[in-house]
Amino acid sequence: STGFSCRDAVNSDGPKSWSQHAYGKAIDINPIEN
């Protein structure tokens, strides 16, 4: 489970944009289960 990561949003069908992780305003929890 992680928070900050300076990266684009993962989005295969939309325009490139910064992920909320790049701003330190997002957290992913248990990525395998979720």
Full PDB file with SEQRES, HELIX, SHEET, SSBOND, CRYST1, ORIGX, SCALE, CONECT and MASTER records, all heavy atoms in Angstrom:
SEQRES   1 A   34  SER THR GLY PHE SER CYS ARG ASP ALA VAL ASN SER ASP          
SEQRES   2 A   34  GLY PRO LYS SER TRP SER GLN HIS ALA TYR GLY LYS ALA          
SEQRES   3 A   34  ILE ASP ILE ASN PRO ILE GLU ASN                              
HELIX    1 AA1 GLN A   20  TYR A   23  5                                   4    
CRYST1    1.000    1.000    1.000  90.00  90.00  90.00 P 1           1          
ORIGX1      1.000000  0.000000  0.000000        0.00000                         
ORIGX2      0.000000  1.000000  0.000000        0.00000                         
ORIGX3      0.000000  0.000000  1.000000        0.00000                         
SCALE1      1.000000  0.000000  0.000000        0.00000                         
SCALE2      0.000000  1.000000  0.000000        0.00000                         
SCALE3      0.000000  0.000000  1.000000        0.00000                         
ATOM      1  N   SER A   1       0.860  -1.181   0.000  1.00  0.00           N  
ATOM      2  CA  SER A   1       0.000   0.000   0.000  1.00  0.00           C  
ATOM      3  C   SER A   1       0.896   1.230   0.000  1.00  0.00           C  
ATOM      4  O   SER A   1       1.847   1.303   0.779  1.00  0.00           O  
ATOM      5  CB  SER A   1      -0.893   0.000   1.239  1.00  0.00           C  
ATOM      6  OG  SER A   1      -1.718  -1.147   1.250  1.00  0.00           O  
ATOM      7  N   THR A   2       0.609   2.209  -0.880  1.00  0.00           N  
ATOM      8  CA  THR A   2       1.493   3.357  -1.046  1.00  0.00           C  
ATOM      9  C   THR A   2       0.723   4.660  -1.155  1.00  0.00           C  
ATOM     10  O   THR A   2      -0.474   4.669  -1.433  1.00  0.00           O  
ATOM     11  CB  THR A   2       2.350   3.214  -2.322  1.00  0.00           C  
ATOM     12  OG1 THR A   2       1.475   3.169  -3.457  1.00  0.00           O  
ATOM     13  CG2 THR A   2       3.212   1.979  -2.278  1.00  0.00           C  
ATOM     14  N   GLY A   3       1.461   5.747  -0.989  1.00  0.00           N  
ATOM     15  CA  GLY A   3       0.908   7.088  -1.144  1.00  0.00           C  
ATOM     16  C   GLY A   3       1.573   7.810  -2.298  1.00  0.00           C  
ATOM     17  O   GLY A   3       1.343   7.503  -3.459  1.00  0.00           O  
ATOM     18  N   PHE A   4       2.465   8.750  -1.985  1.00  0.00           N  
ATOM     19  CA  PHE A   4       3.113   9.575  -3.001  1.00  0.00           C  
ATOM     20  C   PHE A   4       3.880   8.744  -4.020  1.00  0.00           C  
ATOM     21  O   PHE A   4       4.613   7.831  -3.689  1.00  0.00           O  
ATOM     22  CB  PHE A   4       4.091  10.557  -2.340  1.00  0.00           C  
ATOM     23  CG  PHE A   4       4.923  11.316  -3.329  1.00  0.00           C  
ATOM     24  CD1 PHE A   4       4.399  12.400  -4.003  1.00  0.00           C  
ATOM     25  CD2 PHE A   4       6.219  10.921  -3.602  1.00  0.00           C  
ATOM     26  CE1 PHE A   4       5.160  13.090  -4.936  1.00  0.00           C  
ATOM     27  CE2 PHE A   4       6.993  11.597  -4.530  1.00  0.00           C  
ATOM     28  CZ  PHE A   4       6.459  12.685  -5.200  1.00  0.00           C  
ATOM     29  N   SER A   5       3.686   9.100  -5.278  1.00  0.00           N  
ATOM     30  CA  SER A   5       4.457   8.552  -6.389  1.00  0.00           C  
ATOM     31  C   SER A   5       4.341   9.571  -7.515  1.00  0.00           C  
ATOM     32  O   SER A   5       3.244   9.827  -8.003  1.00  0.00           O  
ATOM     33  CB  SER A   5       3.899   7.199  -6.826  1.00  0.00           C  
ATOM     34  OG  SER A   5       4.612   6.712  -7.932  1.00  0.00           O  
ATOM     35  N   CYS A   6       5.453  10.178  -7.910  1.00  0.00           N  
ATOM     36  CA  CYS A   6       5.427  11.216  -8.940  1.00  0.00           C  
ATOM     37  C   CYS A   6       5.236  10.553 -10.304  1.00  0.00           C  
ATOM     38  O   CYS A   6       6.191  10.065 -10.909  1.00  0.00           O  
ATOM     39  CB  CYS A   6       6.712  12.043  -8.904  1.00  0.00           C  
ATOM     40  SG  CYS A   6       6.602  13.475  -9.981  1.00  0.00           S  
ATOM     41  N   ARG A   7       3.980  10.523 -10.762  1.00  0.00           N  
ATOM     42  CA  ARG A   7       3.653   9.802 -11.994  1.00  0.00           C  
ATOM     43  C   ARG A   7       2.349  10.294 -12.595  1.00  0.00           C  
ATOM     44  O   ARG A   7       1.543  10.958 -11.930  1.00  0.00           O  
ATOM     45  CB  ARG A   7       3.542   8.310 -11.710  1.00  0.00           C  
ATOM     46  CG  ARG A   7       2.429   7.958 -10.723  1.00  0.00           C  
ATOM     47  CD  ARG A   7       2.335   6.456 -10.545  1.00  0.00           C  
ATOM     48  NE  ARG A   7       1.399   6.025  -9.553  1.00  0.00           N  
ATOM     49  CZ  ARG A   7       0.089   5.867  -9.736  1.00  0.00           C  
ATOM     50  NH1 ARG A   7      -0.457   6.177 -10.886  1.00  0.00           N  
ATOM     51  NH2 ARG A   7      -0.683   5.429  -8.762  1.00  0.00           N  
ATOM     52  N   ASP A   8       2.174   9.929 -13.853  1.00  0.00           N  
ATOM     53  CA  ASP A   8       0.898  10.179 -14.516  1.00  0.00           C  
ATOM     54  C   ASP A   8      -0.155   9.236 -13.960  1.00  0.00           C  
ATOM     55  O   ASP A   8       0.165   8.171 -13.428  1.00  0.00           O  
ATOM     56  CB  ASP A   8       1.010   9.921 -16.020  1.00  0.00           C  
ATOM     57  CG  ASP A   8       1.822  10.979 -16.750  1.00  0.00           C  
ATOM     58  OD1 ASP A   8       1.879  12.129 -16.276  1.00  0.00           O  
ATOM     59  OD2 ASP A   8       2.406  10.644 -17.793  1.00  0.00           O  
ATOM     60  N   ALA A   9      -1.394   9.614 -14.133  1.00  0.00           N  
ATOM     61  CA  ALA A   9      -2.497   8.718 -13.795  1.00  0.00           C  
ATOM     62  C   ALA A   9      -2.463   7.526 -14.736  1.00  0.00           C  
ATOM     63  O   ALA A   9      -2.096   7.655 -15.898  1.00  0.00           O  
ATOM     64  CB  ALA A   9      -3.833   9.452 -13.919  1.00  0.00           C  
ATOM     65  N   VAL A  10      -2.822   6.357 -14.224  1.00  0.00           N  
ATOM     66  CA  VAL A  10      -2.928   5.162 -15.058  1.00  0.00           C  
ATOM     67  C   VAL A  10      -4.307   5.220 -15.698  1.00  0.00           C  
ATOM     68  O   VAL A  10      -5.322   5.071 -15.028  1.00  0.00           O  
ATOM     69  CB  VAL A  10      -2.764   3.876 -14.221  1.00  0.00           C  
ATOM     70  CG1 VAL A  10      -2.938   2.647 -15.097  1.00  0.00           C  
ATOM     71  CG2 VAL A  10      -1.421   3.872 -13.517  1.00  0.00           C  
ATOM     72  N   ASN A  11      -4.329   5.452 -17.010  1.00  0.00           N  
ATOM     73  CA  ASN A  11      -5.591   5.633 -17.710  1.00  0.00           C  
ATOM     74  C   ASN A  11      -5.339   5.391 -19.188  1.00  0.00           C  
ATOM     75  O   ASN A  11      -4.858   6.266 -19.888  1.00  0.00           O  
ATOM     76  CB  ASN A  11      -6.109   7.049 -17.471  1.00  0.00           C  
ATOM     77  CG  ASN A  11      -7.439   7.313 -18.128  1.00  0.00           C  
ATOM     78  OD1 ASN A  11      -8.017   6.435 -18.754  1.00  0.00           O  
ATOM     79  ND2 ASN A  11      -7.923   8.532 -17.994  1.00  0.00           N  
ATOM     80  N   SER A  12      -5.680   4.233 -19.677  1.00  0.00           N  
ATOM     81  CA  SER A  12      -5.355   3.871 -21.055  1.00  0.00           C  
ATOM     82  C   SER A  12      -6.220   4.564 -22.099  1.00  0.00           C  
ATOM     83  O   SER A  12      -5.852   4.622 -23.259  1.00  0.00           O  
ATOM     84  CB  SER A  12      -5.455   2.353 -21.239  1.00  0.00           C  
ATOM     85  OG  SER A  12      -6.788   1.937 -21.054  1.00  0.00           O  
ATOM     86  N   ASP A  13      -7.376   5.105 -21.717  1.00  0.00           N  
ATOM     87  CA  ASP A  13      -8.267   5.672 -22.728  1.00  0.00           C  
ATOM     88  C   ASP A  13      -8.496   7.174 -22.586  1.00  0.00           C  
ATOM     89  O   ASP A  13      -9.381   7.723 -23.212  1.00  0.00           O  
ATOM     90  CB  ASP A  13      -9.606   4.931 -22.745  1.00  0.00           C  
ATOM     91  CG  ASP A  13     -10.371   5.091 -21.442  1.00  0.00           C  
ATOM     92  OD1 ASP A  13      -9.813   5.607 -20.473  1.00  0.00           O  
ATOM     93  OD2 ASP A  13     -11.554   4.690 -21.415  1.00  0.00           O  
ATOM     94  N   GLY A  14      -7.711   7.849 -21.801  1.00  0.00           N  
ATOM     95  CA  GLY A  14      -7.896   9.285 -21.625  1.00  0.00           C  
ATOM     96  C   GLY A  14      -6.602  10.044 -21.831  1.00  0.00           C  
ATOM     97  O   GLY A  14      -5.539   9.450 -22.033  1.00  0.00           O  
ATOM     98  N   PRO A  15      -6.687  11.367 -21.787  1.00  0.00           N  
ATOM     99  CA  PRO A  15      -5.465  12.164 -21.951  1.00  0.00           C  
ATOM    100  C   PRO A  15      -4.543  12.002 -20.747  1.00  0.00           C  
ATOM    101  O   PRO A  15      -4.994  11.695 -19.646  1.00  0.00           O  
ATOM    102  CB  PRO A  15      -5.996  13.593 -22.047  1.00  0.00           C  
ATOM    103  CG  PRO A  15      -7.315  13.559 -21.329  1.00  0.00           C  
ATOM    104  CD  PRO A  15      -7.869  12.178 -21.559  1.00  0.00           C  
ATOM    105  N   LYS A  16      -3.246  12.218 -20.984  1.00  0.00           N  
ATOM    106  CA  LYS A  16      -2.295  12.138 -19.878  1.00  0.00           C  
ATOM    107  C   LYS A  16      -2.580  13.244 -18.877  1.00  0.00           C  
ATOM    108  O   LYS A  16      -2.893  14.373 -19.255  1.00  0.00           O  
ATOM    109  CB  LYS A  16      -0.868  12.262 -20.390  1.00  0.00           C  
ATOM    110  CG  LYS A  16      -0.346  11.002 -20.991  1.00  0.00           C  
ATOM    111  CD  LYS A  16       1.161  11.062 -21.113  1.00  0.00           C  
ATOM    112  CE  LYS A  16       1.631   9.659 -21.420  1.00  0.00           C  
ATOM    113  NZ  LYS A  16       2.975   9.426 -21.024  1.00  0.00           N  
ATOM    114  N   SER A  17      -2.479  12.896 -17.618  1.00  0.00           N  
ATOM    115  CA  SER A  17      -2.633  13.868 -16.544  1.00  0.00           C  
ATOM    116  C   SER A  17      -1.891  13.342 -15.326  1.00  0.00           C  
ATOM    117  O   SER A  17      -1.649  12.147 -15.214  1.00  0.00           O  
ATOM    118  CB  SER A  17      -4.115  14.077 -16.214  1.00  0.00           C  
ATOM    119  OG  SER A  17      -4.691  12.871 -15.740  1.00  0.00           O  
ATOM    120  N   TRP A  18      -1.544  14.239 -14.439  1.00  0.00           N  
ATOM    121  CA  TRP A  18      -0.873  13.821 -13.216  1.00  0.00           C  
ATOM    122  C   TRP A  18      -1.839  13.031 -12.339  1.00  0.00           C  
ATOM    123  O   TRP A  18      -3.006  13.382 -12.207  1.00  0.00           O  
ATOM    124  CB  TRP A  18      -0.380  15.024 -12.413  1.00  0.00           C  
ATOM    125  CG  TRP A  18       0.829  15.680 -12.984  1.00  0.00           C  
ATOM    126  CD1 TRP A  18       0.883  16.905 -13.584  1.00  0.00           C  
ATOM    127  CD2 TRP A  18       2.159  15.166 -13.007  1.00  0.00           C  
ATOM    128  NE1 TRP A  18       2.164  17.167 -13.978  1.00  0.00           N  
ATOM    129  CE2 TRP A  18       2.976  16.116 -13.638  1.00  0.00           C  
ATOM    130  CE3 TRP A  18       2.740  13.984 -12.566  1.00  0.00           C  
ATOM    131  CZ2 TRP A  18       4.339  15.931 -13.832  1.00  0.00           C  
ATOM    132  CZ3 TRP A  18       4.096  13.790 -12.757  1.00  0.00           C  
ATOM    133  CH2 TRP A  18       4.886  14.763 -13.378  1.00  0.00           C  
ATOM    134  N   SER A  19      -1.335  11.987 -11.741  1.00  0.00           N  
ATOM    135  CA  SER A  19      -2.085  11.236 -10.753  1.00  0.00           C  
ATOM    136  C   SER A  19      -2.181  12.058  -9.473  1.00  0.00           C  
ATOM    137  O   SER A  19      -1.298  12.876  -9.180  1.00  0.00           O  
ATOM    138  CB  SER A  19      -1.345   9.929 -10.459  1.00  0.00           C  
ATOM    139  OG  SER A  19      -1.844   9.327  -9.299  1.00  0.00           O  
ATOM    140  N   GLN A  20      -3.224  11.823  -8.693  1.00  0.00           N  
ATOM    141  CA  GLN A  20      -3.295  12.454  -7.376  1.00  0.00           C  
ATOM    142  C   GLN A  20      -2.153  11.974  -6.481  1.00  0.00           C  
ATOM    143  O   GLN A  20      -1.769  12.666  -5.536  1.00  0.00           O  
ATOM    144  CB  GLN A  20      -4.654  12.184  -6.728  1.00  0.00           C  
ATOM    145  CG  GLN A  20      -5.781  12.962  -7.360  1.00  0.00           C  
ATOM    146  CD  GLN A  20      -5.556  14.458  -7.264  1.00  0.00           C  
ATOM    147  OE1 GLN A  20      -5.516  15.040  -6.175  1.00  0.00           O  
ATOM    148  NE2 GLN A  20      -5.390  15.095  -8.404  1.00  0.00           N  
ATOM    149  N   HIS A  21      -1.569  10.824  -6.814  1.00  0.00           N  
ATOM    150  CA  HIS A  21      -0.390  10.346  -6.080  1.00  0.00           C  
ATOM    151  C   HIS A  21       0.786  11.305  -6.265  1.00  0.00           C  
ATOM    152  O   HIS A  21       1.605  11.458  -5.372  1.00  0.00           O  
ATOM    153  CB  HIS A  21       0.010   8.942  -6.556  1.00  0.00           C  
ATOM    154  CG  HIS A  21      -0.957   7.887  -6.168  1.00  0.00           C  
ATOM    155  ND1 HIS A  21      -0.980   7.314  -4.913  1.00  0.00           N  
ATOM    156  CD2 HIS A  21      -1.961   7.301  -6.867  1.00  0.00           C  
ATOM    157  CE1 HIS A  21      -1.942   6.417  -4.859  1.00  0.00           C  
ATOM    158  NE2 HIS A  21      -2.563   6.391  -6.033  1.00  0.00           N  
ATOM    159  N   ALA A  22       0.884  11.948  -7.419  1.00  0.00           N  
ATOM    160  CA  ALA A  22       1.988  12.878  -7.692  1.00  0.00           C  
ATOM    161  C   ALA A  22       1.910  14.113  -6.802  1.00  0.00           C  
ATOM    162  O   ALA A  22       2.921  14.773  -6.565  1.00  0.00           O  
ATOM    163  CB  ALA A  22       1.983  13.293  -9.160  1.00  0.00           C  
ATOM    164  N   TYR A  23       0.730  14.410  -6.301  1.00  0.00           N  
ATOM    165  CA  TYR A  23       0.547  15.542  -5.394  1.00  0.00           C  
ATOM    166  C   TYR A  23       0.571  15.106  -3.927  1.00  0.00           C  
ATOM    167  O   TYR A  23       0.400  15.930  -3.031  1.00  0.00           O  
ATOM    168  CB  TYR A  23      -0.786  16.236  -5.685  1.00  0.00           C  
ATOM    169  CG  TYR A  23      -0.894  16.766  -7.094  1.00  0.00           C  
ATOM    170  CD1 TYR A  23      -1.672  16.107  -8.035  1.00  0.00           C  
ATOM    171  CD2 TYR A  23      -0.213  17.918  -7.479  1.00  0.00           C  
ATOM    172  CE1 TYR A  23      -1.768  16.580  -9.336  1.00  0.00           C  
ATOM    173  CE2 TYR A  23      -0.305  18.401  -8.773  1.00  0.00           C  
ATOM    174  CZ  TYR A  23      -1.080  17.722  -9.696  1.00  0.00           C  
ATOM    175  OH  TYR A  23      -1.172  18.197 -10.986  1.00  0.00           O  
ATOM    176  N   GLY A  24       0.730  13.808  -3.686  1.00  0.00           N  
ATOM    177  CA  GLY A  24       0.710  13.298  -2.319  1.00  0.00           C  
ATOM    178  C   GLY A  24      -0.665  13.327  -1.697  1.00  0.00           C  
ATOM    179  O   GLY A  24      -0.811  13.366  -0.475  1.00  0.00           O  
ATOM    180  N   LYS A  25      -1.695  13.275  -2.544  1.00  0.00           N  
ATOM    181  CA  LYS A  25      -3.068  13.366  -2.056  1.00  0.00           C  
ATOM    182  C   LYS A  25      -3.882  12.129  -2.400  1.00  0.00           C  
ATOM    183  O   LYS A  25      -5.094  12.194  -2.603  1.00  0.00           O  
ATOM    184  CB  LYS A  25      -3.734  14.619  -2.632  1.00  0.00           C  
ATOM    185  CG  LYS A  25      -3.085  15.904  -2.125  1.00  0.00           C  
ATOM    186  CD  LYS A  25      -3.779  17.125  -2.670  1.00  0.00           C  
ATOM    187  CE  LYS A  25      -3.183  18.380  -2.046  1.00  0.00           C  
ATOM    188  NZ  LYS A  25      -3.884  19.583  -2.527  1.00  0.00           N  
ATOM    189  N   ALA A  26      -3.187  10.980  -2.484  1.00  0.00           N  
ATOM    190  CA  ALA A  26      -3.859   9.711  -2.769  1.00  0.00           C  
ATOM    191  C   ALA A  26      -3.091   8.575  -2.112  1.00  0.00           C  
ATOM    192  O   ALA A  26      -1.874   8.658  -1.938  1.00  0.00           O  
ATOM    193  CB  ALA A  26      -3.948   9.476  -4.279  1.00  0.00           C  
ATOM    194  N   ILE A  27      -3.825   7.541  -1.762  1.00  0.00           N  
ATOM    195  CA  ILE A  27      -3.245   6.337  -1.159  1.00  0.00           C  
ATOM    196  C   ILE A  27      -3.935   5.125  -1.785  1.00  0.00           C  
ATOM    197  O   ILE A  27      -5.159   5.122  -1.936  1.00  0.00           O  
ATOM    198  CB  ILE A  27      -3.437   6.325   0.374  1.00  0.00           C  
ATOM    199  CG1 ILE A  27      -2.695   7.502   1.020  1.00  0.00           C  
ATOM    200  CG2 ILE A  27      -2.965   4.994   0.975  1.00  0.00           C  
ATOM    201  CD1 ILE A  27      -2.941   7.661   2.506  1.00  0.00           C  
ATOM    202  N   ASP A  28      -3.143   4.124  -2.152  1.00  0.00           N  
ATOM    203  CA  ASP A  28      -3.670   2.843  -2.630  1.00  0.00           C  
ATOM    204  C   ASP A  28      -3.497   1.824  -1.516  1.00  0.00           C  
ATOM    205  O   ASP A  28      -2.398   1.695  -0.964  1.00  0.00           O  
ATOM    206  CB  ASP A  28      -2.911   2.366  -3.869  1.00  0.00           C  
ATOM    207  CG  ASP A  28      -3.216   3.188  -5.107  1.00  0.00           C  
ATOM    208  OD1 ASP A  28      -4.227   3.908  -5.120  1.00  0.00           O  
ATOM    209  OD2 ASP A  28      -2.431   3.106  -6.069  1.00  0.00           O  
ATOM    210  N   ILE A  29      -4.556   1.089  -1.204  1.00  0.00           N  
ATOM    211  CA  ILE A  29      -4.544   0.116  -0.116  1.00  0.00           C  
ATOM    212  C   ILE A  29      -4.786  -1.295  -0.663  1.00  0.00           C  
ATOM    213  O   ILE A  29      -5.748  -1.523  -1.393  1.00  0.00           O  
ATOM    214  CB  ILE A  29      -5.625   0.435   0.945  1.00  0.00           C  
ATOM    215  CG1 ILE A  29      -5.479   1.854   1.488  1.00  0.00           C  
ATOM    216  CG2 ILE A  29      -5.609  -0.604   2.071  1.00  0.00           C  
ATOM    217  CD1 ILE A  29      -4.289   2.090   2.385  1.00  0.00           C  
ATOM    218  N   ASN A  30      -3.918  -2.230  -0.268  1.00  0.00           N  
ATOM    219  CA  ASN A  30      -4.046  -3.648  -0.643  1.00  0.00           C  
ATOM    220  C   ASN A  30      -4.363  -3.815  -2.130  1.00  0.00           C  
ATOM    221  O   ASN A  30      -5.450  -4.272  -2.506  1.00  0.00           O  
ATOM    222  CB  ASN A  30      -5.137  -4.345   0.190  1.00  0.00           C  
ATOM    223  CG  ASN A  30      -4.842  -4.379   1.664  1.00  0.00           C  
ATOM    224  OD1 ASN A  30      -3.703  -4.263   2.086  1.00  0.00           O  
ATOM    225  ND2 ASN A  30      -5.878  -4.544   2.463  1.00  0.00           N  
ATOM    226  N   PRO A  31      -3.422  -3.477  -3.012  1.00  0.00           N  
ATOM    227  CA  PRO A  31      -3.723  -3.512  -4.445  1.00  0.00           C  
ATOM    228  C   PRO A  31      -4.099  -4.876  -5.008  1.00  0.00           C  
ATOM    229  O   PRO A  31      -4.822  -4.935  -6.003  1.00  0.00           O  
ATOM    230  CB  PRO A  31      -2.452  -2.978  -5.103  1.00  0.00           C  
ATOM    231  CG  PRO A  31      -1.399  -3.044  -4.068  1.00  0.00           C  
ATOM    232  CD  PRO A  31      -2.078  -2.988  -2.740  1.00  0.00           C  
ATOM    233  N   ILE A  32      -3.650  -5.950  -4.411  1.00  0.00           N  
ATOM    234  CA  ILE A  32      -4.059  -7.264  -4.930  1.00  0.00           C  
ATOM    235  C   ILE A  32      -5.523  -7.529  -4.593  1.00  0.00           C  
ATOM    236  O   ILE A  32      -6.311  -7.910  -5.453  1.00  0.00           O  
ATOM    237  CB  ILE A  32      -3.137  -8.388  -4.410  1.00  0.00           C  
ATOM    238  CG1 ILE A  32      -1.746  -8.239  -5.051  1.00  0.00           C  
ATOM    239  CG2 ILE A  32      -3.730  -9.766  -4.711  1.00  0.00           C  
ATOM    240  CD1 ILE A  32      -0.697  -9.188  -4.535  1.00  0.00           C  
ATOM    241  N   GLU A  33      -5.914  -7.296  -3.356  1.00  0.00           N  
ATOM    242  CA  GLU A  33      -7.300  -7.518  -2.947  1.00  0.00           C  
ATOM    243  C   GLU A  33      -8.237  -6.469  -3.532  1.00  0.00           C  
ATOM    244  O   GLU A  33      -9.451  -6.662  -3.572  1.00  0.00           O  
ATOM    245  CB  GLU A  33      -7.420  -7.502  -1.415  1.00  0.00           C  
ATOM    246  CG  GLU A  33      -6.755  -8.667  -0.736  1.00  0.00           C  
ATOM    247  CD  GLU A  33      -5.237  -8.512  -0.586  1.00  0.00           C  
ATOM    248  OE1 GLU A  33      -4.674  -7.439  -0.885  1.00  0.00           O  
ATOM    249  OE2 GLU A  33      -4.611  -9.503  -0.161  1.00  0.00           O  
ATOM    250  N   ASN A  34      -7.672  -5.345  -3.975  1.00  0.00           N  
ATOM    251  CA  ASN A  34      -8.457  -4.224  -4.484  1.00  0.00           C  
ATOM    252  C   ASN A  34      -7.858  -3.725  -5.795  1.00  0.00           C  
ATOM    253  O   ASN A  34      -7.350  -2.609  -5.878  1.00  0.00           O  
ATOM    254  CB  ASN A  34      -8.491  -3.105  -3.442  1.00  0.00           C  
ATOM    255  CG  ASN A  34      -9.080  -3.599  -2.143  1.00  0.00           C  
ATOM    256  OD1 ASN A  34     -10.231  -4.013  -2.102  1.00  0.00           O  
ATOM    257  ND2 ASN A  34      -8.289  -3.587  -1.088  1.00  0.00           N  
TER     258      ASN A  34                                                      
MASTER        0    0    0    1    0    0    0    6  257    1    0    3          
END                                                                             
